[in-house]
Amino acid sequence: VRSVGGDFKAYCSGPTLYTTETLTQLGEQADEIYVSSGLPPTSEEFAQDNPVIQQFRDEMEAAADAGDDEAALDALINPSNALNAWLGMQIVKQVAGEVKGELTSESLLAALNEAEVNFDGVVPPIDFGQPAPPPLSRLFNPVMSLYRWDSGAGEFVAADAEQVNVLELLAAASKAGGGQ
């Protein structure tokens, strides 16, 4: 931002724009970078209070220890993407275990379309049988939180802001704009 003449006090985006390596290289200059995300950070701080994040960290560390260099949490380009993929696989694992009869792509998809999953607060409970309101086809986690980069800790930490439900914001904006 500064290289093109900008003088912002803070910068906010989604978490997939930055790598841990880049933020670490920026040092204190990155301390005013904020991200909004439907997923919490994968840091040790958040893992202490959330068993699902701890399980993710444990499984990633076990994979790294077994020789998978791409699973090392400190080497990931974006741990949030890895958590998102891991949660997706946890859904498939959970739902596949509930399929009655032969497990096929058809039986798994049918079970997914009726499944309800809960990740103990990592994201709100998900009911795959309930589509999101139009025009969205599905939105499984409308709750966004704000995090800021802490160069001293070398990770994103919770910002002093309340969570926001994106669907409620869209509904309010629609009403304010005359339903457009």
C-alpha atoms as a PDB file:
ATOM      1  CA  VAL A   1       0.000   0.000   0.000  1.00  0.00           C
ATOM      2  CA  ARG A   2       2.775   2.407   0.915  1.00  0.00           C
ATOM      3  CA  SER A   3       4.675   1.598  -2.283  1.00  0.00           C
ATOM      4  CA  VAL A   4       1.851   3.163  -4.322  1.00  0.00           C
ATOM      5  CA  GLY A   5       1.459   6.190  -2.061  1.00  0.00           C
ATOM      6  CA  GLY A   6      -1.270   4.902   0.228  1.00  0.00           C
ATOM      7  CA  ASP A   7      -1.344   5.863   3.882  1.00  0.00           C
ATOM      8  CA  PHE A   8      -3.904   3.563   5.460  1.00  0.00           C
ATOM      9  CA  LYS A   9      -4.048   3.048   9.205  1.00  0.00           C
ATOM     10  CA  ALA A  10      -5.296  -0.511   8.778  1.00  0.00           C
ATOM     11  CA  TYR A  11      -5.937  -2.929   5.943  1.00  0.00           C
ATOM     12  CA  CYS A  12      -8.639  -5.631   5.935  1.00  0.00           C
ATOM     13  CA  SER A  13      -9.153  -8.571   3.590  1.00  0.00           C
ATOM     14  CA  GLY A  14      -9.785 -12.293   3.582  1.00  0.00           C
ATOM     15  CA  PRO A  15      -7.202 -14.614   5.154  1.00  0.00           C
ATOM     16  CA  THR A  16      -6.228 -16.318   1.898  1.00  0.00           C
ATOM     17  CA  LEU A  17      -4.520 -13.179   0.566  1.00  0.00           C
ATOM     18  CA  TYR A  18      -1.528 -13.470   2.915  1.00  0.00           C
ATOM     19  CA  THR A  19       0.974 -16.147   3.696  1.00  0.00           C
ATOM     20  CA  THR A  20       2.445 -16.562   7.151  1.00  0.00           C
ATOM     21  CA  GLU A  21       5.887 -16.192   5.602  1.00  0.00           C
ATOM     22  CA  THR A  22       5.013 -12.835   4.007  1.00  0.00           C
ATOM     23  CA  LEU A  23       3.454 -11.460   7.187  1.00  0.00           C
ATOM     24  CA  THR A  24       6.451 -12.571   9.228  1.00  0.00           C
ATOM     25  CA  GLN A  25       8.821 -10.863   6.775  1.00  0.00           C
ATOM     26  CA  LEU A  26       6.829  -7.630   7.060  1.00  0.00           C
ATOM     27  CA  GLY A  27       7.344  -7.604  10.825  1.00  0.00           C
ATOM     28  CA  GLU A  28       5.595  -4.800  12.711  1.00  0.00           C
ATOM     29  CA  GLN A  29       4.446  -3.241   9.427  1.00  0.00           C
ATOM     30  CA  ALA A  30       1.876  -6.065   9.244  1.00  0.00           C
ATOM     31  CA  ASP A  31       0.406  -5.383  12.693  1.00  0.00           C
ATOM     32  CA  GLU A  32      -2.478  -3.397  11.219  1.00  0.00           C
ATOM     33  CA  ILE A  33      -3.560  -6.102   8.801  1.00  0.00           C
ATOM     34  CA  TYR A  34      -6.972  -7.489   9.652  1.00  0.00           C
ATOM     35  CA  VAL A  35      -8.774 -10.433   8.109  1.00  0.00           C
ATOM     36  CA  SER A  36     -12.382 -11.501   8.300  1.00  0.00           C
ATOM     37  CA  SER A  37     -13.041 -15.196   8.237  1.00  0.00           C
ATOM     38  CA  GLY A  38     -15.692 -17.771   8.924  1.00  0.00           C
ATOM     39  CA  LEU A  39     -12.962 -19.984  10.362  1.00  0.00           C
ATOM     40  CA  PRO A  40     -10.834 -19.329  13.417  1.00  0.00           C
ATOM     41  CA  PRO A  41      -7.049 -19.199  13.206  1.00  0.00           C
ATOM     42  CA  THR A  42      -5.272 -22.523  13.594  1.00  0.00           C
ATOM     43  CA  SER A  43      -2.873 -21.144  16.181  1.00  0.00           C
ATOM     44  CA  GLU A  44      -1.963 -22.808  19.460  1.00  0.00           C
ATOM     45  CA  GLU A  45      -3.900 -20.031  21.229  1.00  0.00           C
ATOM     46  CA  PHE A  46      -7.166 -21.047  19.564  1.00  0.00           C
ATOM     47  CA  ALA A  47      -6.402 -24.752  19.852  1.00  0.00           C
ATOM     48  CA  GLN A  48      -6.186 -24.434  23.644  1.00  0.00           C
ATOM     49  CA  ASP A  49      -9.861 -23.503  23.783  1.00  0.00           C
ATOM     50  CA  ASN A  50     -11.164 -25.652  20.951  1.00  0.00           C
ATOM     51  CA  PRO A  51     -10.742 -29.433  20.708  1.00  0.00           C
ATOM     52  CA  VAL A  52     -11.554 -29.458  16.980  1.00  0.00           C
ATOM     53  CA  ILE A  53      -8.710 -27.036  16.207  1.00  0.00           C
ATOM     54  CA  GLN A  54      -6.440 -29.085  18.487  1.00  0.00           C
ATOM     55  CA  GLN A  55      -7.390 -32.260  16.614  1.00  0.00           C
ATOM     56  CA  PHE A  56      -6.594 -30.511  13.309  1.00  0.00           C
ATOM     57  CA  ARG A  57      -3.205 -29.397  14.659  1.00  0.00           C
ATOM     58  CA  ASP A  58      -2.451 -32.865  16.057  1.00  0.00           C
ATOM     59  CA  GLU A  59      -3.300 -34.597  12.768  1.00  0.00           C
ATOM     60  CA  MET A  60      -1.308 -32.098  10.706  1.00  0.00           C
ATOM     61  CA  GLU A  61       1.697 -32.438  13.033  1.00  0.00           C
ATOM     62  CA  ALA A  62       1.438 -36.252  12.905  1.00  0.00           C
ATOM     63  CA  ALA A  63       1.397 -36.141   9.094  1.00  0.00           C
ATOM     64  CA  ALA A  64       4.405 -33.812   9.088  1.00  0.00           C
ATOM     65  CA  ASP A  65       6.247 -36.082  11.539  1.00  0.00           C
ATOM     66  CA  ALA A  66       5.488 -39.037   9.241  1.00  0.00           C
ATOM     67  CA  GLY A  67       7.284 -37.252   6.401  1.00  0.00           C
ATOM     68  CA  ASP A  68       4.607 -35.111   4.738  1.00  0.00           C
ATOM     69  CA  ASP A  69       6.461 -31.799   4.419  1.00  0.00           C
ATOM     70  CA  GLU A  70       3.320 -30.104   3.090  1.00  0.00           C
ATOM     71  CA  ALA A  71       1.486 -30.791   6.368  1.00  0.00           C
ATOM     72  CA  ALA A  72       3.879 -28.806   8.576  1.00  0.00           C
ATOM     73  CA  LEU A  73       1.772 -26.013  10.085  1.00  0.00           C
ATOM     74  CA  ASP A  74       4.642 -23.533  10.130  1.00  0.00           C
ATOM     75  CA  ALA A  75       5.329 -24.199   6.435  1.00  0.00           C
ATOM     76  CA  LEU A  76       1.762 -23.935   5.155  1.00  0.00           C
ATOM     77  CA  ILE A  77       1.140 -21.097   2.757  1.00  0.00           C
ATOM     78  CA  ASN A  78      -2.271 -20.583   4.315  1.00  0.00           C
ATOM     79  CA  PRO A  79      -3.342 -22.684   7.328  1.00  0.00           C
ATOM     80  CA  SER A  80      -6.949 -21.474   6.924  1.00  0.00           C
ATOM     81  CA  ASN A  81      -7.197 -23.226   3.555  1.00  0.00           C
ATOM     82  CA  ALA A  82      -5.841 -26.415   5.110  1.00  0.00           C
ATOM     83  CA  LEU A  83      -8.387 -26.185   7.948  1.00  0.00           C
ATOM     84  CA  ASN A  84     -11.204 -25.650   5.452  1.00  0.00           C
ATOM     85  CA  ALA A  85     -10.163 -28.756   3.485  1.00  0.00           C
ATOM     86  CA  TRP A  86      -9.704 -30.778   6.681  1.00  0.00           C
ATOM     87  CA  LEU A  87     -13.188 -29.814   7.905  1.00  0.00           C
ATOM     88  CA  GLY A  88     -14.615 -30.903   4.555  1.00  0.00           C
ATOM     89  CA  MET A  89     -12.997 -34.293   4.941  1.00  0.00           C
ATOM     90  CA  GLN A  90     -14.286 -34.550   8.510  1.00  0.00           C
ATOM     91  CA  ILE A  91     -17.806 -34.002   7.149  1.00  0.00           C
ATOM     92  CA  VAL A  92     -17.343 -36.781   4.582  1.00  0.00           C
ATOM     93  CA  LYS A  93     -15.880 -39.078   7.254  1.00  0.00           C
ATOM     94  CA  GLN A  94     -18.715 -38.335   9.684  1.00  0.00           C
ATOM     95  CA  VAL A  95     -21.501 -38.756   7.124  1.00  0.00           C
ATOM     96  CA  ALA A  96     -19.959 -41.826   5.445  1.00  0.00           C
ATOM     97  CA  GLY A  97     -19.996 -43.551   8.813  1.00  0.00           C
ATOM     98  CA  GLU A  98     -23.770 -43.061   9.006  1.00  0.00           C
ATOM     99  CA  VAL A  99     -24.608 -44.479   5.560  1.00  0.00           C
ATOM    100  CA  LYS A 100     -26.749 -47.606   5.807  1.00  0.00           C
ATOM    101  CA  GLY A 101     -25.846 -50.315   3.331  1.00  0.00           C
ATOM    102  CA  GLU A 102     -23.191 -50.039   0.648  1.00  0.00           C
ATOM    103  CA  LEU A 103     -21.159 -46.839   0.581  1.00  0.00           C
ATOM    104  CA  THR A 104     -21.283 -45.473  -2.954  1.00  0.00           C
ATOM    105  CA  SER A 105     -21.036 -41.970  -4.351  1.00  0.00           C
ATOM    106  CA  GLU A 106     -24.840 -41.951  -4.660  1.00  0.00           C
ATOM    107  CA  SER A 107     -25.473 -43.143  -1.088  1.00  0.00           C
ATOM    108  CA  LEU A 108     -22.915 -40.693   0.293  1.00  0.00           C
ATOM    109  CA  LEU A 109     -24.413 -37.770  -1.632  1.00  0.00           C
ATOM    110  CA  ALA A 110     -27.917 -38.722  -0.486  1.00  0.00           C
ATOM    111  CA  ALA A 111     -26.701 -38.855   3.124  1.00  0.00           C
ATOM    112  CA  LEU A 112     -24.859 -35.520   2.755  1.00  0.00           C
ATOM    113  CA  ASN A 113     -28.037 -33.849   1.477  1.00  0.00           C
ATOM    114  CA  GLU A 114     -29.753 -34.719   4.772  1.00  0.00           C
ATOM    115  CA  ALA A 115     -26.806 -34.472   7.171  1.00  0.00           C
ATOM    116  CA  GLU A 116     -26.380 -32.184  10.128  1.00  0.00           C
ATOM    117  CA  VAL A 117     -22.844 -31.718  11.433  1.00  0.00           C
ATOM    118  CA  ASN A 118     -21.441 -29.859  14.387  1.00  0.00           C
ATOM    119  CA  PHE A 119     -17.835 -28.827  14.951  1.00  0.00           C
ATOM    120  CA  ASP A 120     -18.144 -27.537  18.517  1.00  0.00           C
ATOM    121  CA  GLY A 121     -18.151 -23.851  17.636  1.00  0.00           C
ATOM    122  CA  VAL A 122     -15.456 -23.809  14.950  1.00  0.00           C
ATOM    123  CA  VAL A 123     -18.332 -22.988  12.617  1.00  0.00           C
ATOM    124  CA  PRO A 124     -22.036 -22.908  13.470  1.00  0.00           C
ATOM    125  CA  PRO A 125     -23.837 -26.267  13.177  1.00  0.00           C
ATOM    126  CA  ILE A 126     -24.442 -27.102   9.511  1.00  0.00           C
ATOM    127  CA  ASP A 127     -27.747 -28.535   8.257  1.00  0.00           C
ATOM    128  CA  PHE A 128     -27.114 -29.622   4.666  1.00  0.00           C
ATOM    129  CA  GLY A 129     -30.848 -30.194   4.208  1.00  0.00           C
ATOM    130  CA  GLN A 130     -31.536 -26.474   4.511  1.00  0.00           C
ATOM    131  CA  PRO A 131     -30.461 -24.376   1.530  1.00  0.00           C
ATOM    132  CA  ALA A 132     -29.462 -20.775   2.043  1.00  0.00           C
ATOM    133  CA  PRO A 133     -31.961 -18.098   1.059  1.00  0.00           C
ATOM    134  CA  PRO A 134     -31.908 -17.026  -2.607  1.00  0.00           C
ATOM    135  CA  PRO A 135     -29.876 -15.986  -4.494  1.00  0.00           C
ATOM    136  CA  LEU A 136     -27.274 -18.044  -2.624  1.00  0.00           C
ATOM    137  CA  SER A 137     -27.327 -21.754  -3.388  1.00  0.00           C
ATOM    138  CA  ARG A 138     -25.682 -22.737  -0.113  1.00  0.00           C
ATOM    139  CA  LEU A 139     -23.910 -20.809   2.576  1.00  0.00           C
ATOM    140  CA  PHE A 140     -22.918 -23.036   5.441  1.00  0.00           C
ATOM    141  CA  ASN A 141     -21.267 -20.512   7.700  1.00  0.00           C
ATOM    142  CA  PRO A 142     -22.588 -16.971   7.557  1.00  0.00           C
ATOM    143  CA  VAL A 143     -20.833 -15.969  10.800  1.00  0.00           C
ATOM    144  CA  MET A 144     -17.655 -13.963  10.251  1.00  0.00           C
ATOM    145  CA  SER A 145     -15.061 -12.966  12.852  1.00  0.00           C
ATOM    146  CA  LEU A 146     -12.309 -10.355  12.691  1.00  0.00           C
ATOM    147  CA  TYR A 147      -8.668 -11.194  13.384  1.00  0.00           C
ATOM    148  CA  ARG A 148      -5.523  -9.071  13.250  1.00  0.00           C
ATOM    149  CA  TRP A 149      -1.919 -10.039  12.618  1.00  0.00           C
ATOM    150  CA  ASP A 150       0.257  -9.919  15.718  1.00  0.00           C
ATOM    151  CA  SER A 151       3.906  -9.804  14.649  1.00  0.00           C
ATOM    152  CA  GLY A 152       5.079 -10.529  18.205  1.00  0.00           C
ATOM    153  CA  ALA A 153       3.066 -13.752  18.324  1.00  0.00           C
ATOM    154  CA  GLY A 154       3.629 -14.516  14.631  1.00  0.00           C
ATOM    155  CA  GLU A 155      -0.045 -15.329  14.083  1.00  0.00           C
ATOM    156  CA  PHE A 156      -3.537 -13.912  13.718  1.00  0.00           C
ATOM    157  CA  VAL A 157      -5.235 -13.130  17.018  1.00  0.00           C
ATOM    158  CA  ALA A 158      -8.830 -12.200  17.787  1.00  0.00           C
ATOM    159  CA  ALA A 159      -9.580  -8.527  17.213  1.00  0.00           C
ATOM    160  CA  ASP A 160     -11.796  -6.622  19.586  1.00  0.00           C
ATOM    161  CA  ALA A 161     -14.916  -6.939  17.427  1.00  0.00           C
ATOM    162  CA  GLU A 162     -18.187  -8.835  17.603  1.00  0.00           C
ATOM    163  CA  GLN A 163     -18.976 -11.614  15.157  1.00  0.00           C
ATOM    164  CA  VAL A 164     -21.204 -10.633  12.238  1.00  0.00           C
ATOM    165  CA  ASN A 165     -23.834 -12.743  10.499  1.00  0.00           C
ATOM    166  CA  VAL A 166     -23.407 -12.028   6.787  1.00  0.00           C
ATOM    167  CA  LEU A 167     -26.963 -13.137   5.935  1.00  0.00           C
ATOM    168  CA  GLU A 168     -28.344 -10.576   8.389  1.00  0.00           C
ATOM    169  CA  LEU A 169     -26.171  -7.867   6.818  1.00  0.00           C
ATOM    170  CA  LEU A 170     -27.378  -8.808   3.327  1.00  0.00           C
ATOM    171  CA  ALA A 171     -31.007  -8.749   4.482  1.00  0.00           C
ATOM    172  CA  ALA A 172     -30.535  -5.311   6.095  1.00  0.00           C
ATOM    173  CA  ALA A 173     -28.802  -3.979   2.973  1.00  0.00           C
ATOM    174  CA  SER A 174     -31.613  -5.334   0.812  1.00  0.00           C
ATOM    175  CA  LYS A 175     -34.245  -3.573   2.930  1.00  0.00           C
ATOM    176  CA  ALA A 176     -32.256  -0.337   2.955  1.00  0.00           C
ATOM    177  CA  GLY A 177     -31.872  -0.491  -0.826  1.00  0.00           C
ATOM    178  CA  GLY A 178     -35.569  -1.075  -1.478  1.00  0.00           C
ATOM    179  CA  GLY A 179     -35.259  -4.856  -1.784  1.00  0.00           C
ATOM    180  CA  GLN A 180     -32.897  -4.687  -4.758  1.00  0.00           C
END
